[in-house]
Amino acid sequence: MPRRALRIVGFFLVGAVSLPWALLSRALCRVGLERAGLRLAARVQGLWARALLAIQGIAVERTGAPTSGACLIVANHLSYLDILVLAAMFPGRFVAKREIAGWPVL
């Protein structure tokens, strides 16, 4: 099987494994267990991003000490890889502009 086909299969597998956990995190938030749901969502998002980076053969190298405690990361990303790197390195939530609410899939 060609390398490209293996990557595509890998993307679908990662999505298939991640989706039920992401849905569970949403359900937890809706039934009043918001803290547990957000914690699970951040973990799933980080694992998802690291898996997709690994499938693409991209290694992320962090320099400097990681932050301790709560922080706010502000980034104007340039490509889809920026989102994966940020999600892999910083557990948390993404905030998007209001305009994408009307986009079909998002």
PDB file of N, CA and C in Angstrom:
ATOM      1  N   MET A   1       0.853  -1.172   0.000  1.00  0.00           N
ATOM      2  CA  MET A   1       0.000   0.000   0.000  1.00  0.00           C
ATOM      3  C   MET A   1       0.905   1.243   0.000  1.00  0.00           C
ATOM      4  N   PRO A   2       0.638   2.202  -0.866  1.00  0.00           N
ATOM      5  CA  PRO A   2       1.465   3.411  -0.916  1.00  0.00           C
ATOM      6  C   PRO A   2       1.381   4.209   0.390  1.00  0.00           C
ATOM      7  N   ARG A   3       2.402   4.997   0.614  1.00  0.00           N
ATOM      8  CA  ARG A   3       2.503   5.787   1.845  1.00  0.00           C
ATOM      9  C   ARG A   3       1.321   6.740   2.016  1.00  0.00           C
ATOM     10  N   ARG A   4       0.906   7.368   0.931  1.00  0.00           N
ATOM     11  CA  ARG A   4      -0.225   8.313   0.996  1.00  0.00           C
ATOM     12  C   ARG A   4      -1.499   7.599   1.451  1.00  0.00           C
ATOM     13  N   ALA A   5      -1.747   6.417   0.915  1.00  0.00           N
ATOM     14  CA  ALA A   5      -2.941   5.660   1.300  1.00  0.00           C
ATOM     15  C   ALA A   5      -2.893   5.280   2.777  1.00  0.00           C
ATOM     16  N   LEU A   6      -1.707   4.932   3.273  1.00  0.00           N
ATOM     17  CA  LEU A   6      -1.572   4.600   4.696  1.00  0.00           C
ATOM     18  C   LEU A   6      -1.878   5.809   5.572  1.00  0.00           C
ATOM     19  N   ARG A   7      -1.439   6.980   5.139  1.00  0.00           N
ATOM     20  CA  ARG A   7      -1.743   8.203   5.904  1.00  0.00           C
ATOM     21  C   ARG A   7      -3.236   8.453   5.952  1.00  0.00           C
ATOM     22  N   ILE A   8      -3.903   8.288   4.817  1.00  0.00           N
ATOM     23  CA  ILE A   8      -5.343   8.533   4.778  1.00  0.00           C
ATOM     24  C   ILE A   8      -6.072   7.550   5.692  1.00  0.00           C
ATOM     25  N   VAL A   9      -5.685   6.290   5.657  1.00  0.00           N
ATOM     26  CA  VAL A   9      -6.279   5.290   6.553  1.00  0.00           C
ATOM     27  C   VAL A   9      -5.998   5.679   8.009  1.00  0.00           C
ATOM     28  N   GLY A  10      -4.786   6.136   8.287  1.00  0.00           N
ATOM     29  CA  GLY A  10      -4.433   6.576   9.641  1.00  0.00           C
ATOM     30  C   GLY A  10      -5.290   7.736  10.115  1.00  0.00           C
ATOM     31  N   PHE A  11      -5.535   8.710   9.231  1.00  0.00           N
ATOM     32  CA  PHE A  11      -6.381   9.851   9.585  1.00  0.00           C
ATOM     33  C   PHE A  11      -7.785   9.379   9.968  1.00  0.00           C
ATOM     34  N   PHE A  12      -8.347   8.478   9.178  1.00  0.00           N
ATOM     35  CA  PHE A  12      -9.687   7.977   9.474  1.00  0.00           C
ATOM     36  C   PHE A  12      -9.716   7.170  10.772  1.00  0.00           C
ATOM     37  N   LEU A  13      -8.687   6.377  11.011  1.00  0.00           N
ATOM     38  CA  LEU A  13      -8.637   5.596  12.254  1.00  0.00           C
ATOM     39  C   LEU A  13      -8.551   6.503  13.473  1.00  0.00           C
ATOM     40  N   VAL A  14      -7.708   7.515  13.389  1.00  0.00           N
ATOM     41  CA  VAL A  14      -7.576   8.461  14.511  1.00  0.00           C
ATOM     42  C   VAL A  14      -8.913   9.148  14.756  1.00  0.00           C
ATOM     43  N   GLY A  15      -9.583   9.550  13.682  1.00  0.00           N
ATOM     44  CA  GLY A  15     -10.896  10.179  13.831  1.00  0.00           C
ATOM     45  C   GLY A  15     -11.919   9.244  14.428  1.00  0.00           C
ATOM     46  N   ALA A  16     -11.908   7.993  13.981  1.00  0.00           N
ATOM     47  CA  ALA A  16     -12.875   7.010  14.475  1.00  0.00           C
ATOM     48  C   ALA A  16     -12.667   6.709  15.953  1.00  0.00           C
ATOM     49  N   VAL A  17     -11.432   6.696  16.389  1.00  0.00           N
ATOM     50  CA  VAL A  17     -11.143   6.430  17.802  1.00  0.00           C
ATOM     51  C   VAL A  17     -11.420   7.673  18.648  1.00  0.00           C
ATOM     52  N   SER A  18     -11.125   8.850  18.128  1.00  0.00           N
ATOM     53  CA  SER A  18     -11.268  10.099  18.895  1.00  0.00           C
ATOM     54  C   SER A  18     -12.713  10.552  19.027  1.00  0.00           C
ATOM     55  N   LEU A  19     -13.514  10.326  17.999  1.00  0.00           N
ATOM     56  CA  LEU A  19     -14.870  10.868  17.987  1.00  0.00           C
ATOM     57  C   LEU A  19     -15.732  10.420  19.168  1.00  0.00           C
ATOM     58  N   PRO A  20     -15.781   9.140  19.513  1.00  0.00           N
ATOM     59  CA  PRO A  20     -16.615   8.763  20.671  1.00  0.00           C
ATOM     60  C   PRO A  20     -16.181   9.438  21.973  1.00  0.00           C
ATOM     61  N   TRP A  21     -14.886   9.605  22.157  1.00  0.00           N
ATOM     62  CA  TRP A  21     -14.392  10.265  23.372  1.00  0.00           C
ATOM     63  C   TRP A  21     -14.747  11.747  23.364  1.00  0.00           C
ATOM     64  N   ALA A  22     -14.659  12.370  22.198  1.00  0.00           N
ATOM     65  CA  ALA A  22     -15.043  13.782  22.089  1.00  0.00           C
ATOM     66  C   ALA A  22     -16.534  13.949  22.371  1.00  0.00           C
ATOM     67  N   LEU A  23     -17.339  13.051  21.859  1.00  0.00           N
ATOM     68  CA  LEU A  23     -18.783  13.107  22.121  1.00  0.00           C
ATOM     69  C   LEU A  23     -19.088  12.871  23.595  1.00  0.00           C
ATOM     70  N   LEU A  24     -18.342  11.974  24.223  1.00  0.00           N
ATOM     71  CA  LEU A  24     -18.515  11.739  25.655  1.00  0.00           C
ATOM     72  C   LEU A  24     -18.191  13.001  26.452  1.00  0.00           C
ATOM     73  N   SER A  25     -17.145  13.714  26.054  1.00  0.00           N
ATOM     74  CA  SER A  25     -16.792  14.946  26.772  1.00  0.00           C
ATOM     75  C   SER A  25     -17.911  15.974  26.655  1.00  0.00           C
ATOM     76  N   ARG A  26     -18.542  16.071  25.477  1.00  0.00           N
ATOM     77  CA  ARG A  26     -19.675  16.985  25.303  1.00  0.00           C
ATOM     78  C   ARG A  26     -20.852  16.562  26.191  1.00  0.00           C
ATOM     79  N   ALA A  27     -21.098  15.260  26.234  1.00  0.00           N
ATOM     80  CA  ALA A  27     -22.204  14.756  27.052  1.00  0.00           C
ATOM     81  C   ALA A  27     -21.968  15.047  28.532  1.00  0.00           C
ATOM     82  N   LEU A  28     -20.743  14.888  28.985  1.00  0.00           N
ATOM     83  CA  LEU A  28     -20.422  15.185  30.382  1.00  0.00           C
ATOM     84  C   LEU A  28     -20.718  16.645  30.710  1.00  0.00           C
ATOM     85  N   CYS A  29     -20.353  17.532  29.795  1.00  0.00           N
ATOM     86  CA  CYS A  29     -20.617  18.958  30.020  1.00  0.00           C
ATOM     87  C   CYS A  29     -22.117  19.243  30.087  1.00  0.00           C
ATOM     88  N   ARG A  30     -22.886  18.566  29.254  1.00  0.00           N
ATOM     89  CA  ARG A  30     -24.331  18.816  29.202  1.00  0.00           C
ATOM     90  C   ARG A  30     -25.072  18.294  30.428  1.00  0.00           C
ATOM     91  N   VAL A  31     -24.528  17.272  31.091  1.00  0.00           N
ATOM     92  CA  VAL A  31     -25.217  16.730  32.270  1.00  0.00           C
ATOM     93  C   VAL A  31     -24.708  17.334  33.568  1.00  0.00           C
ATOM     94  N   GLY A  32     -23.912  18.389  33.475  1.00  0.00           N
ATOM     95  CA  GLY A  32     -23.480  19.086  34.678  1.00  0.00           C
ATOM     96  C   GLY A  32     -22.088  18.744  35.168  1.00  0.00           C
ATOM     97  N   LEU A  33     -21.387  17.863  34.493  1.00  0.00           N
ATOM     98  CA  LEU A  33     -20.018  17.521  34.882  1.00  0.00           C
ATOM     99  C   LEU A  33     -19.048  18.262  33.971  1.00  0.00           C
ATOM    100  N   GLU A  34     -19.170  19.582  33.986  1.00  0.00           N
ATOM    101  CA  GLU A  34     -18.422  20.408  33.040  1.00  0.00           C
ATOM    102  C   GLU A  34     -16.916  20.290  33.215  1.00  0.00           C
ATOM    103  N   ARG A  35     -16.437  20.306  34.433  1.00  0.00           N
ATOM    104  CA  ARG A  35     -14.990  20.220  34.670  1.00  0.00           C
ATOM    105  C   ARG A  35     -14.414  18.911  34.120  1.00  0.00           C
ATOM    106  N   ALA A  36     -15.089  17.801  34.386  1.00  0.00           N
ATOM    107  CA  ALA A  36     -14.633  16.504  33.884  1.00  0.00           C
ATOM    108  C   ALA A  36     -14.709  16.463  32.357  1.00  0.00           C
ATOM    109  N   GLY A  37     -15.768  17.032  31.790  1.00  0.00           N
ATOM    110  CA  GLY A  37     -15.920  17.066  30.344  1.00  0.00           C
ATOM    111  C   GLY A  37     -14.841  17.884  29.663  1.00  0.00           C
ATOM    112  N   LEU A  38     -14.515  19.042  30.242  1.00  0.00           N
ATOM    113  CA  LEU A  38     -13.474  19.896  29.666  1.00  0.00           C
ATOM    114  C   LEU A  38     -12.100  19.252  29.794  1.00  0.00           C
ATOM    115  N   ARG A  39     -11.864  18.591  30.920  1.00  0.00           N
ATOM    116  CA  ARG A  39     -10.589  17.890  31.106  1.00  0.00           C
ATOM    117  C   ARG A  39     -10.432  16.774  30.075  1.00  0.00           C
ATOM    118  N   LEU A  40     -11.498  16.001  29.876  1.00  0.00           N
ATOM    119  CA  LEU A  40     -11.470  14.925  28.891  1.00  0.00           C
ATOM    120  C   LEU A  40     -11.295  15.484  27.480  1.00  0.00           C
ATOM    121  N   ALA A  41     -11.983  16.576  27.167  1.00  0.00           N
ATOM    122  CA  ALA A  41     -11.876  17.189  25.845  1.00  0.00           C
ATOM    123  C   ALA A  41     -10.448  17.649  25.566  1.00  0.00           C
ATOM    124  N   ALA A  42      -9.800  18.252  26.552  1.00  0.00           N
ATOM    125  CA  ALA A  42      -8.420  18.711  26.373  1.00  0.00           C
ATOM    126  C   ALA A  42      -7.480  17.530  26.153  1.00  0.00           C
ATOM    127  N   ARG A  43      -7.692  16.450  26.883  1.00  0.00           N
ATOM    128  CA  ARG A  43      -6.845  15.259  26.716  1.00  0.00           C
ATOM    129  C   ARG A  43      -7.049  14.632  25.338  1.00  0.00           C
ATOM    130  N   VAL A  44      -8.301  14.483  24.926  1.00  0.00           N
ATOM    131  CA  VAL A  44      -8.607  13.894  23.618  1.00  0.00           C
ATOM    132  C   VAL A  44      -8.015  14.759  22.505  1.00  0.00           C
ATOM    133  N   GLN A  45      -8.171  16.068  22.638  1.00  0.00           N
ATOM    134  CA  GLN A  45      -7.645  16.983  21.624  1.00  0.00           C
ATOM    135  C   GLN A  45      -6.133  16.855  21.503  1.00  0.00           C
ATOM    136  N   GLY A  46      -5.427  16.777  22.621  1.00  0.00           N
ATOM    137  CA  GLY A  46      -3.971  16.635  22.587  1.00  0.00           C
ATOM    138  C   GLY A  46      -3.531  15.315  21.980  1.00  0.00           C
ATOM    139  N   LEU A  47      -4.196  14.234  22.364  1.00  0.00           N
ATOM    140  CA  LEU A  47      -3.853  12.925  21.794  1.00  0.00           C
ATOM    141  C   LEU A  47      -4.153  12.880  20.304  1.00  0.00           C
ATOM    142  N   TRP A  48      -5.267  13.453  19.901  1.00  0.00           N
ATOM    143  CA  TRP A  48      -5.655  13.521  18.494  1.00  0.00           C
ATOM    144  C   TRP A  48      -4.603  14.278  17.688  1.00  0.00           C
ATOM    145  N   ALA A  49      -4.192  15.426  18.195  1.00  0.00           N
ATOM    146  CA  ALA A  49      -3.213  16.237  17.481  1.00  0.00           C
ATOM    147  C   ALA A  49      -1.862  15.526  17.387  1.00  0.00           C
ATOM    148  N   ARG A  50      -1.402  14.914  18.486  1.00  0.00           N
ATOM    149  CA  ARG A  50      -0.123  14.204  18.448  1.00  0.00           C
ATOM    150  C   ARG A  50      -0.165  13.023  17.491  1.00  0.00           C
ATOM    151  N   ALA A  51      -1.307  12.326  17.445  1.00  0.00           N
ATOM    152  CA  ALA A  51      -1.445  11.189  16.527  1.00  0.00           C
ATOM    153  C   ALA A  51      -1.399  11.655  15.075  1.00  0.00           C
ATOM    154  N   LEU A  52      -2.089  12.745  14.758  1.00  0.00           N
ATOM    155  CA  LEU A  52      -2.072  13.243  13.383  1.00  0.00           C
ATOM    156  C   LEU A  52      -0.685  13.743  12.980  1.00  0.00           C
ATOM    157  N   LEU A  53       0.014  14.383  13.894  1.00  0.00           N
ATOM    158  CA  LEU A  53       1.385  14.814  13.594  1.00  0.00           C
ATOM    159  C   LEU A  53       2.291  13.612  13.357  1.00  0.00           C
ATOM    160  N   ALA A  54       2.131  12.575  14.155  1.00  0.00           N
ATOM    161  CA  ALA A  54       2.950  11.370  13.998  1.00  0.00           C
ATOM    162  C   ALA A  54       2.670  10.693  12.658  1.00  0.00           C
ATOM    163  N   ILE A  55       1.416  10.627  12.261  1.00  0.00           N
ATOM    164  CA  ILE A  55       1.063  10.018  10.974  1.00  0.00           C
ATOM    165  C   ILE A  55       1.737  10.764   9.827  1.00  0.00           C
ATOM    166  N   GLN A  56       1.845  12.069   9.965  1.00  0.00           N
ATOM    167  CA  GLN A  56       2.459  12.872   8.921  1.00  0.00           C
ATOM    168  C   GLN A  56       3.985  12.894   9.020  1.00  0.00           C
ATOM    169  N   GLY A  57       4.520  12.279  10.053  1.00  0.00           N
ATOM    170  CA  GLY A  57       5.965  12.241  10.225  1.00  0.00           C
ATOM    171  C   GLY A  57       6.561  13.545  10.717  1.00  0.00           C
ATOM    172  N   ILE A  58       5.776  14.319  11.455  1.00  0.00           N
ATOM    173  CA  ILE A  58       6.224  15.624  11.948  1.00  0.00           C
ATOM    174  C   ILE A  58       6.574  15.506  13.425  1.00  0.00           C
ATOM    175  N   ALA A  59       7.791  15.874  13.753  1.00  0.00           N
ATOM    176  CA  ALA A  59       8.233  15.879  15.144  1.00  0.00           C
ATOM    177  C   ALA A  59       8.207  17.321  15.654  1.00  0.00           C
ATOM    178  N   VAL A  60       7.632  17.512  16.816  1.00  0.00           N
ATOM    179  CA  VAL A  60       7.537  18.840  17.421  1.00  0.00           C
ATOM    180  C   VAL A  60       8.568  18.926  18.532  1.00  0.00           C
ATOM    181  N   GLU A  61       9.359  19.975  18.506  1.00  0.00           N
ATOM    182  CA  GLU A  61      10.376  20.174  19.534  1.00  0.00           C
ATOM    183  C   GLU A  61      10.056  21.443  20.304  1.00  0.00           C
ATOM    184  N   ARG A  62       9.935  21.292  21.600  1.00  0.00           N
ATOM    185  CA  ARG A  62       9.627  22.430  22.467  1.00  0.00           C
ATOM    186  C   ARG A  62      10.923  22.948  23.085  1.00  0.00           C
ATOM    187  N   THR A  63      11.118  24.245  23.051  1.00  0.00           N
ATOM    188  CA  THR A  63      12.268  24.853  23.718  1.00  0.00           C
ATOM    189  C   THR A  63      11.737  25.727  24.846  1.00  0.00           C
ATOM    190  N   GLY A  64      12.461  25.778  25.919  1.00  0.00           N
ATOM    191  CA  GLY A  64      12.029  26.553  27.066  1.00  0.00           C
ATOM    192  C   GLY A  64      11.160  25.738  27.993  1.00  0.00           C
ATOM    193  N   ALA A  65      10.898  26.292  29.134  1.00  0.00           N
ATOM    194  CA  ALA A  65      10.101  25.602  30.152  1.00  0.00           C
ATOM    195  C   ALA A  65       8.616  25.783  29.858  1.00  0.00           C
ATOM    196  N   PRO A  66       7.833  24.733  30.048  1.00  0.00           N
ATOM    197  CA  PRO A  66       6.385  24.893  29.860  1.00  0.00           C
ATOM    198  C   PRO A  66       5.801  25.765  30.952  1.00  0.00           C
ATOM    199  N   THR A  67       4.667  26.363  30.666  1.00  0.00           N
ATOM    200  CA  THR A  67       4.026  27.217  31.655  1.00  0.00           C
ATOM    201  C   THR A  67       3.453  26.363  32.784  1.00  0.00           C
ATOM    202  N   SER A  68       3.381  26.939  33.939  1.00  0.00           N
ATOM    203  CA  SER A  68       2.738  26.250  35.055  1.00  0.00           C
ATOM    204  C   SER A  68       1.482  27.030  35.406  1.00  0.00           C
ATOM    205  N   GLY A  69       0.397  26.344  35.543  1.00  0.00           N
ATOM    206  CA  GLY A  69      -0.857  27.013  35.851  1.00  0.00           C
ATOM    207  C   GLY A  69      -1.575  27.464  34.589  1.00  0.00           C
ATOM    208  N   ALA A  70      -2.574  28.272  34.794  1.00  0.00           N
ATOM    209  CA  ALA A  70      -3.402  28.735  33.684  1.00  0.00           C
ATOM    210  C   ALA A  70      -2.675  29.784  32.859  1.00  0.00           C
ATOM    211  N   CYS A  71      -2.935  29.773  31.567  1.00  0.00           N
ATOM    212  CA  CYS A  71      -2.344  30.778  30.688  1.00  0.00           C
ATOM    213  C   CYS A  71      -3.231  30.965  29.471  1.00  0.00           C
ATOM    214  N   LEU A  72      -2.976  32.007  28.717  1.00  0.00           N
ATOM    215  CA  LEU A  72      -3.709  32.303  27.505  1.00  0.00           C
ATOM    216  C   LEU A  72      -2.704  32.336  26.364  1.00  0.00           C
ATOM    217  N   ILE A  73      -2.943  31.536  25.337  1.00  0.00           N
ATOM    218  CA  ILE A  73      -2.083  31.500  24.162  1.00  0.00           C
ATOM    219  C   ILE A  73      -2.832  32.212  23.042  1.00  0.00           C
ATOM    220  N   VAL A  74      -2.246  33.239  22.485  1.00  0.00           N
ATOM    221  CA  VAL A  74      -2.854  33.970  21.374  1.00  0.00           C
ATOM    222  C   VAL A  74      -1.970  33.748  20.160  1.00  0.00           C
ATOM    223  N   ALA A  75      -2.553  33.192  19.094  1.00  0.00           N
ATOM    224  CA  ALA A  75      -1.766  32.893  17.899  1.00  0.00           C
ATOM    225  C   ALA A  75      -2.607  33.139  16.661  1.00  0.00           C
ATOM    226  N   ASN A  76      -1.992  33.730  15.673  1.00  0.00           N
ATOM    227  CA  ASN A  76      -2.625  33.895  14.375  1.00  0.00           C
ATOM    228  C   ASN A  76      -2.013  32.836  13.475  1.00  0.00           C
ATOM    229  N   HIS A  77      -2.654  31.679  13.422  1.00  0.00           N
ATOM    230  CA  HIS A  77      -2.044  30.557  12.719  1.00  0.00           C
ATOM    231  C   HIS A  77      -2.083  30.760  11.211  1.00  0.00           C
ATOM    232  N   LEU A  78      -1.140  30.115  10.538  1.00  0.00           N
ATOM    233  CA  LEU A  78      -1.001  30.273   9.096  1.00  0.00           C
ATOM    234  C   LEU A  78      -1.417  29.030   8.314  1.00  0.00           C
ATOM    235  N   SER A  79      -1.478  27.893   8.956  1.00  0.00           N
ATOM    236  CA  SER A  79      -1.832  26.667   8.239  1.00  0.00           C
ATOM    237  C   SER A  79      -2.501  25.695   9.200  1.00  0.00           C
ATOM    238  N   TYR A  80      -2.944  24.565   8.659  1.00  0.00           N
ATOM    239  CA  TYR A  80      -3.576  23.554   9.507  1.00  0.00           C
ATOM    240  C   TYR A  80      -2.572  22.922  10.460  1.00  0.00           C
ATOM    241  N   LEU A  81      -1.292  22.925  10.121  1.00  0.00           N
ATOM    242  CA  LEU A  81      -0.280  22.341  11.004  1.00  0.00           C
ATOM    243  C   LEU A  81      -0.122  23.144  12.292  1.00  0.00           C
ATOM    244  N   ASP A  82      -0.293  24.442  12.204  1.00  0.00           N
ATOM    245  CA  ASP A  82      -0.177  25.284  13.402  1.00  0.00           C
ATOM    246  C   ASP A  82      -1.194  24.856  14.461  1.00  0.00           C
ATOM    247  N   ILE A  83      -2.398  24.538  14.020  1.00  0.00           N
ATOM    248  CA  ILE A  83      -3.448  24.131  14.948  1.00  0.00           C
ATOM    249  C   ILE A  83      -3.061  22.820  15.628  1.00  0.00           C
ATOM    250  N   LEU A  84      -2.547  21.874  14.838  1.00  0.00           N
ATOM    251  CA  LEU A  84      -2.148  20.588  15.411  1.00  0.00           C
ATOM    252  C   LEU A  84      -1.009  20.753  16.411  1.00  0.00           C
ATOM    253  N   VAL A  85      -0.032  21.581  16.083  1.00  0.00           N
ATOM    254  CA  VAL A  85       1.106  21.790  16.992  1.00  0.00           C
ATOM    255  C   VAL A  85       0.636  22.447  18.284  1.00  0.00           C
ATOM    256  N   LEU A  86      -0.195  23.474  18.176  1.00  0.00           N
ATOM    257  CA  LEU A  86      -0.701  24.135  19.384  1.00  0.00           C
ATOM    258  C   LEU A  86      -1.527  23.176  20.235  1.00  0.00           C
ATOM    259  N   ALA A  87      -2.363  22.370  19.594  1.00  0.00           N
ATOM    260  CA  ALA A  87      -3.188  21.413  20.337  1.00  0.00           C
ATOM    261  C   ALA A  87      -2.338  20.336  20.988  1.00  0.00           C
ATOM    262  N   ALA A  88      -1.248  19.940  20.336  1.00  0.00           N
ATOM    263  CA  ALA A  88      -0.380  18.907  20.895  1.00  0.00           C
ATOM    264  C   ALA A  88       0.441  19.425  22.068  1.00  0.00           C
ATOM    265  N   MET A  89       0.761  20.703  22.058  1.00  0.00           N
ATOM    266  CA  MET A  89       1.658  21.245  23.080  1.00  0.00           C
ATOM    267  C   MET A  89       0.954  21.881  24.265  1.00  0.00           C
ATOM    268  N   PHE A  90      -0.250  22.383  24.054  1.00  0.00           N
ATOM    269  CA  PHE A  90      -0.954  23.106  25.116  1.00  0.00           C
ATOM    270  C   PHE A  90      -2.345  22.524  25.318  1.00  0.00           C
ATOM    271  N   PRO A  91      -2.603  21.884  26.455  1.00  0.00           N
ATOM    272  CA  PRO A  91      -3.962  21.397  26.699  1.00  0.00           C
ATOM    273  C   PRO A  91      -4.890  22.593  26.897  1.00  0.00           C
ATOM    274  N   GLY A  92      -6.034  22.538  26.307  1.00  0.00           N
ATOM    275  CA  GLY A  92      -6.953  23.660  26.475  1.00  0.00           C
ATOM    276  C   GLY A  92      -8.017  23.680  25.408  1.00  0.00           C
ATOM    277  N   ARG A  93      -8.589  24.841  25.192  1.00  0.00           N
ATOM    278  CA  ARG A  93      -9.686  25.003  24.252  1.00  0.00           C
ATOM    279  C   ARG A  93      -9.321  26.056  23.231  1.00  0.00           C
ATOM    280  N   PHE A  94      -9.809  25.862  22.022  1.00  0.00           N
ATOM    281  CA  PHE A  94      -9.638  26.849  20.971  1.00  0.00           C
ATOM    282  C   PHE A  94     -10.857  27.745  20.927  1.00  0.00           C
ATOM    283  N   VAL A  95     -10.633  29.014  20.669  1.00  0.00           N
ATOM    284  CA  VAL A  95     -11.712  29.962  20.496  1.00  0.00           C
ATOM    285  C   VAL A  95     -11.595  30.485  19.073  1.00  0.00           C
ATOM    286  N   ALA A  96     -12.678  30.391  18.319  1.00  0.00           N
ATOM    287  CA  ALA A  96     -12.661  30.798  16.915  1.00  0.00           C
ATOM    288  C   ALA A  96     -13.515  32.044  16.720  1.00  0.00           C
ATOM    289  N   LYS A  97     -13.300  32.695  15.605  1.00  0.00           N
ATOM    290  CA  LYS A  97     -14.103  33.878  15.324  1.00  0.00           C
ATOM    291  C   LYS A  97     -15.536  33.480  14.971  1.00  0.00           C
ATOM    292  N   ARG A  98     -16.442  34.368  15.157  1.00  0.00           N
ATOM    293  CA  ARG A  98     -17.862  34.118  14.982  1.00  0.00           C
ATOM    294  C   ARG A  98     -18.207  33.720  13.546  1.00  0.00           C
ATOM    295  N   GLU A  99     -17.448  34.175  12.576  1.00  0.00           N
ATOM    296  CA  GLU A  99     -17.752  33.929  11.169  1.00  0.00           C
ATOM    297  C   GLU A  99     -17.827  32.448  10.818  1.00  0.00           C
ATOM    298  N   ILE A 100     -17.045  31.602  11.484  1.00  0.00           N
ATOM    299  CA  ILE A 100     -17.032  30.192  11.089  1.00  0.00           C
ATOM    300  C   ILE A 100     -18.261  29.430  11.586  1.00  0.00           C
ATOM    301  N   ALA A 101     -19.083  30.041  12.399  1.00  0.00           N
ATOM    302  CA  ALA A 101     -20.289  29.365  12.892  1.00  0.00           C
ATOM    303  C   ALA A 101     -21.218  28.992  11.735  1.00  0.00           C
ATOM    304  N   GLY A 102     -21.177  29.741  10.648  1.00  0.00           N
ATOM    305  CA  GLY A 102     -22.036  29.453   9.504  1.00  0.00           C
ATOM    306  C   GLY A 102     -21.427  28.516   8.479  1.00  0.00           C
ATOM    307  N   TRP A 103     -20.192  28.093   8.676  1.00  0.00           N
ATOM    308  CA  TRP A 103     -19.547  27.183   7.729  1.00  0.00           C
ATOM    309  C   TRP A 103     -20.173  25.803   7.875  1.00  0.00           C
ATOM    310  N   PRO A 104     -20.380  25.088   6.777  1.00  0.00           N
ATOM    311  CA  PRO A 104     -21.132  23.832   6.829  1.00  0.00           C
ATOM    312  C   PRO A 104     -20.617  22.790   7.827  1.00  0.00           C
ATOM    313  N   VAL A 105     -19.371  22.418   7.787  1.00  0.00           N
ATOM    314  CA  VAL A 105     -18.888  21.325   8.645  1.00  0.00           C
ATOM    315  C   VAL A 105     -18.532  21.833  10.029  1.00  0.00           C
ATOM    316  N   LEU A 106     -17.963  23.005  10.131  1.00  0.00           N
ATOM    317  CA  LEU A 106     -17.510  23.518  11.416  1.00  0.00           C
ATOM    318  C   LEU A 106     -18.650  24.078  12.223  1.00  0.00           C
TER     319      LEU A 106
END
